[in-house]
Amino acid sequence: MFEKNLKIYAEIIDQCDRFERKGKTVPYTSANGHMFSLINKDGEVGFRYDKKVHAEYLEKYDTAQLMSHGANMRGYIIIHDSMLKDQELCIKLLNESFDYVMSLDPK
């Protein structure tokens, strides 16, 4: 599952020209000093949002909070397989996540 989802994750990021993928063992994106997407060791892709959007998207997309290395990734939702199949949706959601971290104070 990791390799398949890593390929999809990379394709989604390639369609977004405002940021690029980082990380070798744990691929992720970050901006303004904040991570906003990642793929964990189990191959789950997660995008980060503010509290309101996070709660809305958990329900709207019938998904769950992302865990990575046993830690609850606060603000992240799992982008599950049916969502990953819709590249346009994923690009939209990832860009929303980028916009969110750009609204935060830089680290």
N, C-alpha and C. Protein backbone atom coordinates (compact mmCIF):
# COMPACT_ATOMS: atom_id res chain seq x y z
N MET A 1 0.83 -1.19 0.00
CA MET A 1 0.00 0.00 0.00
C MET A 1 0.88 1.26 0.00
N PHE A 2 2.02 1.22 0.72
CA PHE A 2 2.86 2.40 0.81
C PHE A 2 3.32 2.86 -0.58
N GLU A 3 3.87 1.95 -1.37
CA GLU A 3 4.42 2.34 -2.67
C GLU A 3 3.33 2.87 -3.61
N LYS A 4 2.17 2.21 -3.60
CA LYS A 4 1.05 2.66 -4.45
C LYS A 4 0.61 4.06 -4.05
N ASN A 5 0.41 4.28 -2.75
CA ASN A 5 -0.04 5.59 -2.29
C ASN A 5 1.04 6.65 -2.41
N LEU A 6 2.31 6.26 -2.28
CA LEU A 6 3.41 7.20 -2.47
C LEU A 6 3.41 7.73 -3.90
N LYS A 7 3.16 6.85 -4.85
CA LYS A 7 3.10 7.25 -6.26
C LYS A 7 1.97 8.26 -6.47
N ILE A 8 0.79 7.96 -5.93
CA ILE A 8 -0.36 8.85 -6.06
C ILE A 8 -0.07 10.19 -5.38
N TYR A 9 0.49 10.13 -4.17
CA TYR A 9 0.84 11.33 -3.41
C TYR A 9 1.79 12.21 -4.21
N ALA A 10 2.81 11.61 -4.79
CA ALA A 10 3.78 12.36 -5.60
C ALA A 10 3.11 12.98 -6.82
N GLU A 11 2.20 12.26 -7.46
CA GLU A 11 1.49 12.80 -8.63
C GLU A 11 0.63 14.00 -8.25
N ILE A 12 0.00 13.94 -7.09
CA ILE A 12 -0.83 15.06 -6.61
C ILE A 12 0.05 16.28 -6.38
N ILE A 13 1.16 16.08 -5.67
CA ILE A 13 2.06 17.20 -5.37
C ILE A 13 2.62 17.80 -6.65
N ASP A 14 2.94 16.95 -7.63
CA ASP A 14 3.47 17.44 -8.91
C ASP A 14 2.50 18.39 -9.62
N GLN A 15 1.22 18.28 -9.32
CA GLN A 15 0.21 19.15 -9.94
C GLN A 15 0.04 20.48 -9.22
N CYS A 16 0.76 20.64 -8.10
CA CYS A 16 0.68 21.86 -7.29
C CYS A 16 1.99 22.60 -7.42
N ASP A 17 1.97 23.79 -8.01
CA ASP A 17 3.21 24.49 -8.31
C ASP A 17 3.68 25.43 -7.20
N ARG A 18 2.98 25.52 -6.08
CA ARG A 18 3.38 26.44 -5.01
C ARG A 18 4.29 25.78 -3.96
N PHE A 19 4.49 24.47 -4.04
CA PHE A 19 5.30 23.76 -3.06
C PHE A 19 5.80 22.46 -3.68
N GLU A 20 6.71 21.80 -2.96
CA GLU A 20 7.25 20.54 -3.46
C GLU A 20 7.37 19.55 -2.32
N ARG A 21 7.51 18.29 -2.70
CA ARG A 21 7.66 17.21 -1.73
C ARG A 21 9.04 17.26 -1.10
N LYS A 22 9.09 16.95 0.19
CA LYS A 22 10.34 16.87 0.94
C LYS A 22 10.38 15.50 1.62
N GLY A 23 11.53 15.19 2.21
CA GLY A 23 11.66 13.97 2.98
C GLY A 23 11.92 12.74 2.14
N LYS A 24 12.86 11.91 2.61
CA LYS A 24 13.16 10.66 1.90
C LYS A 24 12.45 9.48 2.52
N THR A 25 12.57 9.31 3.83
CA THR A 25 11.94 8.17 4.48
C THR A 25 10.49 8.45 4.86
N VAL A 26 10.19 9.68 5.21
CA VAL A 26 8.81 10.09 5.50
C VAL A 26 8.50 11.28 4.60
N PRO A 27 7.97 11.01 3.41
CA PRO A 27 7.65 12.10 2.48
C PRO A 27 6.60 13.05 3.08
N TYR A 28 6.82 14.35 2.87
CA TYR A 28 5.91 15.34 3.43
C TYR A 28 6.01 16.63 2.61
N THR A 29 5.11 17.55 2.91
CA THR A 29 5.20 18.91 2.39
C THR A 29 5.17 19.85 3.59
N SER A 30 5.84 20.98 3.42
CA SER A 30 5.80 22.00 4.47
C SER A 30 5.96 23.37 3.84
N ALA A 31 5.48 24.36 4.56
CA ALA A 31 5.60 25.75 4.14
C ALA A 31 5.50 26.61 5.38
N ASN A 32 6.18 27.73 5.36
CA ASN A 32 6.08 28.67 6.46
C ASN A 32 6.55 28.03 7.78
N GLY A 33 7.33 26.94 7.66
CA GLY A 33 7.83 26.23 8.84
C GLY A 33 6.86 25.21 9.41
N HIS A 34 5.77 24.92 8.71
CA HIS A 34 4.75 23.99 9.20
C HIS A 34 4.52 22.87 8.18
N MET A 35 4.52 21.64 8.66
CA MET A 35 4.12 20.53 7.77
C MET A 35 2.62 20.63 7.51
N PHE A 36 2.23 20.24 6.28
CA PHE A 36 0.79 20.26 5.99
C PHE A 36 0.31 19.02 5.26
N SER A 37 1.21 18.14 4.88
CA SER A 37 0.80 16.84 4.37
C SER A 37 1.93 15.85 4.58
N LEU A 38 1.57 14.57 4.64
CA LEU A 38 2.58 13.53 4.77
C LEU A 38 1.97 12.19 4.41
N ILE A 39 2.85 11.23 4.21
CA ILE A 39 2.43 9.84 4.06
C ILE A 39 3.17 9.07 5.15
N ASN A 40 2.43 8.37 6.00
CA ASN A 40 3.06 7.67 7.11
C ASN A 40 3.60 6.30 6.68
N LYS A 41 4.25 5.59 7.60
CA LYS A 41 4.89 4.32 7.26
C LYS A 41 3.88 3.26 6.85
N ASP A 42 2.60 3.44 7.21
CA ASP A 42 1.55 2.51 6.80
C ASP A 42 0.97 2.85 5.43
N GLY A 43 1.45 3.94 4.83
CA GLY A 43 0.98 4.33 3.51
C GLY A 43 -0.26 5.20 3.54
N GLU A 44 -0.63 5.70 4.73
CA GLU A 44 -1.79 6.58 4.81
C GLU A 44 -1.34 8.01 4.52
N VAL A 45 -2.09 8.66 3.65
CA VAL A 45 -1.83 10.05 3.28
C VAL A 45 -2.69 10.94 4.17
N GLY A 46 -2.10 12.02 4.69
CA GLY A 46 -2.85 12.95 5.52
C GLY A 46 -2.60 14.38 5.13
N PHE A 47 -3.65 15.20 5.21
CA PHE A 47 -3.57 16.64 4.96
C PHE A 47 -4.03 17.35 6.23
N ARG A 48 -3.47 18.52 6.49
CA ARG A 48 -3.72 19.27 7.72
C ARG A 48 -4.63 20.47 7.49
N TYR A 49 -5.54 20.70 8.47
CA TYR A 49 -6.50 21.81 8.40
C TYR A 49 -6.69 22.45 9.76
N ASP A 50 -7.33 23.62 9.78
CA ASP A 50 -7.67 24.23 11.06
C ASP A 50 -8.78 23.41 11.72
N LYS A 51 -9.07 23.70 12.98
CA LYS A 51 -10.02 22.89 13.76
C LYS A 51 -11.39 22.79 13.10
N LYS A 52 -11.90 23.90 12.59
CA LYS A 52 -13.24 23.91 12.01
C LYS A 52 -13.30 23.04 10.75
N VAL A 53 -12.35 23.26 9.84
CA VAL A 53 -12.33 22.50 8.59
C VAL A 53 -12.02 21.02 8.88
N HIS A 54 -11.12 20.78 9.81
CA HIS A 54 -10.78 19.41 10.20
C HIS A 54 -12.04 18.65 10.61
N ALA A 55 -12.82 19.23 11.52
CA ALA A 55 -14.05 18.60 11.99
C ALA A 55 -15.04 18.40 10.84
N GLU A 56 -15.17 19.41 9.99
CA GLU A 56 -16.08 19.32 8.85
C GLU A 56 -15.68 18.19 7.90
N TYR A 57 -14.39 18.11 7.58
CA TYR A 57 -13.92 17.11 6.61
C TYR A 57 -13.92 15.70 7.18
N LEU A 58 -13.72 15.55 8.49
CA LEU A 58 -13.84 14.21 9.09
C LEU A 58 -15.21 13.62 8.79
N GLU A 59 -16.23 14.46 8.93
CA GLU A 59 -17.60 14.00 8.68
C GLU A 59 -17.91 13.93 7.19
N LYS A 60 -17.61 14.98 6.46
CA LYS A 60 -17.95 15.07 5.04
C LYS A 60 -17.35 13.91 4.23
N TYR A 61 -16.09 13.58 4.52
CA TYR A 61 -15.41 12.54 3.75
C TYR A 61 -15.36 11.20 4.47
N ASP A 62 -16.10 11.10 5.59
CA ASP A 62 -16.17 9.84 6.35
C ASP A 62 -14.78 9.26 6.56
N THR A 63 -13.92 10.07 7.14
CA THR A 63 -12.53 9.67 7.33
C THR A 63 -12.17 9.78 8.80
N ALA A 64 -10.89 9.68 9.10
CA ALA A 64 -10.43 9.67 10.49
C ALA A 64 -9.19 10.53 10.66
N GLN A 65 -8.84 10.75 11.91
CA GLN A 65 -7.62 11.47 12.28
C GLN A 65 -6.42 10.63 11.88
N LEU A 66 -5.40 11.25 11.34
CA LEU A 66 -4.17 10.55 10.95
C LEU A 66 -3.29 10.28 12.16
N MET A 67 -2.74 9.07 12.21
CA MET A 67 -1.74 8.69 13.21
C MET A 67 -0.44 8.44 12.45
N SER A 68 0.68 8.82 13.05
CA SER A 68 1.97 8.56 12.45
C SER A 68 2.98 8.25 13.55
N HIS A 69 3.62 7.13 13.44
CA HIS A 69 4.59 6.68 14.46
C HIS A 69 3.97 6.69 15.85
N GLY A 70 2.71 6.26 15.95
CA GLY A 70 2.02 6.16 17.22
C GLY A 70 1.51 7.48 17.77
N ALA A 71 1.72 8.57 17.03
CA ALA A 71 1.28 9.88 17.51
C ALA A 71 0.05 10.34 16.74
N ASN A 72 -0.86 10.97 17.46
CA ASN A 72 -2.05 11.56 16.86
C ASN A 72 -1.61 12.84 16.16
N MET A 73 -1.77 12.91 14.85
CA MET A 73 -1.36 14.08 14.08
C MET A 73 -2.51 15.10 14.11
N ARG A 74 -2.42 16.00 15.06
CA ARG A 74 -3.47 16.99 15.29
C ARG A 74 -3.74 17.82 14.04
N GLY A 75 -5.00 17.88 13.64
CA GLY A 75 -5.41 18.68 12.49
C GLY A 75 -5.38 17.94 11.17
N TYR A 76 -4.84 16.72 11.16
CA TYR A 76 -4.72 15.96 9.92
C TYR A 76 -5.89 14.99 9.75
N ILE A 77 -6.35 14.87 8.51
CA ILE A 77 -7.34 13.84 8.17
C ILE A 77 -6.65 12.84 7.24
N ILE A 78 -7.13 11.60 7.29
CA ILE A 78 -6.65 10.59 6.35
C ILE A 78 -7.34 10.81 5.02
N ILE A 79 -6.55 10.84 3.96
CA ILE A 79 -7.08 10.91 2.60
C ILE A 79 -7.17 9.46 2.13
N HIS A 80 -8.34 8.86 2.34
CA HIS A 80 -8.48 7.42 2.09
C HIS A 80 -8.54 7.10 0.59
N ASP A 81 -8.50 5.81 0.29
CA ASP A 81 -8.36 5.34 -1.09
C ASP A 81 -9.39 5.93 -2.05
N SER A 82 -10.65 6.01 -1.63
CA SER A 82 -11.66 6.53 -2.56
C SER A 82 -11.41 8.01 -2.85
N MET A 83 -10.84 8.73 -1.90
CA MET A 83 -10.49 10.13 -2.14
C MET A 83 -9.26 10.22 -3.04
N LEU A 84 -8.28 9.34 -2.82
CA LEU A 84 -7.06 9.35 -3.63
C LEU A 84 -7.33 9.08 -5.10
N LYS A 85 -8.43 8.39 -5.38
CA LYS A 85 -8.79 8.10 -6.78
C LYS A 85 -9.26 9.35 -7.52
N ASP A 86 -9.64 10.38 -6.77
CA ASP A 86 -10.13 11.63 -7.36
C ASP A 86 -9.01 12.67 -7.26
N GLN A 87 -8.14 12.70 -8.26
CA GLN A 87 -6.97 13.57 -8.22
C GLN A 87 -7.35 15.05 -8.11
N GLU A 88 -8.39 15.47 -8.81
CA GLU A 88 -8.81 16.88 -8.73
C GLU A 88 -9.20 17.26 -7.31
N LEU A 89 -9.94 16.37 -6.64
CA LEU A 89 -10.32 16.62 -5.25
C LEU A 89 -9.07 16.73 -4.38
N CYS A 90 -8.13 15.81 -4.54
CA CYS A 90 -6.91 15.81 -3.73
C CYS A 90 -6.07 17.07 -3.96
N ILE A 91 -6.00 17.51 -5.18
CA ILE A 91 -5.26 18.75 -5.48
C ILE A 91 -5.93 19.92 -4.78
N LYS A 92 -7.25 19.99 -4.85
CA LYS A 92 -8.01 21.06 -4.19
C LYS A 92 -7.77 21.01 -2.68
N LEU A 93 -7.87 19.83 -2.09
CA LEU A 93 -7.70 19.69 -0.65
C LEU A 93 -6.28 20.01 -0.21
N LEU A 94 -5.30 19.59 -0.99
CA LEU A 94 -3.91 19.86 -0.63
C LEU A 94 -3.61 21.36 -0.73
N ASN A 95 -4.15 22.02 -1.73
CA ASN A 95 -3.97 23.47 -1.83
C ASN A 95 -4.65 24.20 -0.67
N GLU A 96 -5.79 23.71 -0.23
CA GLU A 96 -6.46 24.29 0.94
C GLU A 96 -5.58 24.13 2.18
N SER A 97 -4.95 22.98 2.31
CA SER A 97 -4.07 22.71 3.43
C SER A 97 -2.87 23.67 3.40
N PHE A 98 -2.30 23.86 2.22
CA PHE A 98 -1.19 24.82 2.05
C PHE A 98 -1.63 26.22 2.46
N ASP A 99 -2.79 26.65 1.99
CA ASP A 99 -3.31 27.97 2.34
C ASP A 99 -3.45 28.12 3.86
N TYR A 100 -3.89 27.03 4.51
CA TYR A 100 -4.05 27.08 5.97
C TYR A 100 -2.70 27.34 6.65
N VAL A 101 -1.66 26.58 6.32
CA VAL A 101 -0.38 26.79 7.02
C VAL A 101 0.24 28.13 6.67
N MET A 102 -0.06 28.65 5.49
CA MET A 102 0.46 29.97 5.13
C MET A 102 -0.22 31.07 5.95
N SER A 103 -1.38 30.77 6.53
CA SER A 103 -2.06 31.74 7.37
C SER A 103 -1.51 31.74 8.81
N LEU A 104 -0.71 30.74 9.16
CA LEU A 104 -0.13 30.64 10.49
C LEU A 104 1.12 31.50 10.61
N ASP A 105 1.46 31.86 11.82
CA ASP A 105 2.72 32.57 12.04
C ASP A 105 3.87 31.67 11.63
N PRO A 106 4.87 32.21 10.95
CA PRO A 106 6.01 31.38 10.56
C PRO A 106 6.75 30.83 11.77
N LYS A 107 7.31 29.64 11.60
CA LYS A 107 8.14 29.06 12.67
C LYS A 107 9.57 29.46 12.45
